[in-house]
Protein backbone atom coordinates (compact mmCIF):
# COMPACT_ATOMS: atom_id res chain seq x y z
CA UNK A 1 -18.11 -7.90 9.32
CA UNK A 2 -15.12 -5.96 10.65
CA UNK A 3 -12.77 -8.68 9.38
CA UNK A 4 -14.26 -8.38 5.89
CA UNK A 5 -13.87 -4.60 6.00
CA UNK A 6 -10.22 -4.98 6.91
CA UNK A 7 -9.74 -7.42 4.06
CA UNK A 8 -11.26 -4.90 1.66
CA UNK A 9 -9.01 -2.15 3.01
CA UNK A 10 -5.98 -4.43 2.56
CA UNK A 11 -6.94 -4.98 -1.08
CA UNK A 12 -7.45 -1.24 -1.63
CA UNK A 13 -4.06 -0.45 -0.09
CA UNK A 14 -2.37 -3.01 -2.34
CA UNK A 15 -3.98 -1.49 -5.43
CA UNK A 16 -3.03 2.05 -4.43
CA UNK A 17 0.57 1.00 -3.78
CA UNK A 18 0.69 -0.56 -7.24
CA UNK A 19 -0.74 2.59 -8.80
CA UNK A 20 1.75 4.79 -6.96
CA UNK A 21 4.62 2.67 -8.29
CA UNK A 22 3.63 3.59 -11.85
CA UNK A 23 4.59 6.64 -13.81
CA UNK A 24 1.53 8.88 -13.61
CA UNK A 25 0.98 12.50 -14.59
CA UNK A 26 1.66 14.72 -11.57
CA UNK A 27 -1.98 15.77 -11.16
CA UNK A 28 -3.10 12.14 -11.15
CA UNK A 29 -0.27 11.16 -8.80
CA UNK A 30 -1.33 13.86 -6.33
CA UNK A 31 -4.92 12.66 -6.42
CA UNK A 32 -3.92 9.01 -5.94
CA UNK A 33 -1.62 9.96 -3.04
CA UNK A 34 -4.44 11.91 -1.38
CA UNK A 35 -6.86 9.03 -1.80
CA UNK A 36 -4.25 6.54 -0.56
CA UNK A 37 -3.80 8.60 2.61
CA UNK A 38 -7.56 8.31 3.19
CA UNK A 39 -7.45 4.55 2.65
CA UNK A 40 -4.56 4.25 5.11
CA UNK A 41 -6.52 6.21 7.70
CA UNK A 42 -9.63 4.09 7.19
CA UNK A 43 -7.54 0.93 7.43
CA UNK A 44 -6.17 2.10 10.77
CA UNK A 45 -9.67 2.73 12.11
CA UNK A 46 -10.89 -0.69 10.98
CA UNK A 47 -7.75 -2.38 12.41
CA UNK A 48 -8.27 -0.65 15.76
CA UNK A 49 -11.92 -1.74 15.81
CA UNK A 50 -10.89 -5.33 15.09
CA UNK A 51 -8.31 -5.31 17.87
CA UNK A 52 -10.83 -3.82 20.27
CA UNK A 53 -13.34 -6.57 19.46
CA UNK A 54 -10.67 -9.23 19.88
CA UNK A 55 -9.70 -7.82 23.27
CA UNK A 56 -13.33 -8.01 24.42
CA UNK A 57 -13.57 -11.70 23.55
């Protein structure tokens, strides 16, 4: 399940990076940047959980 979560986070990060590469109104850009920061944080948590599980095996 953790591996699937990480895969979903990878997909979300890719989509946010693509959105940030576009020309967006500043208010939208700020919102997308804030959300992207949250996705990056979540991805880090999921990645750490995965590594912890792998170390236990």
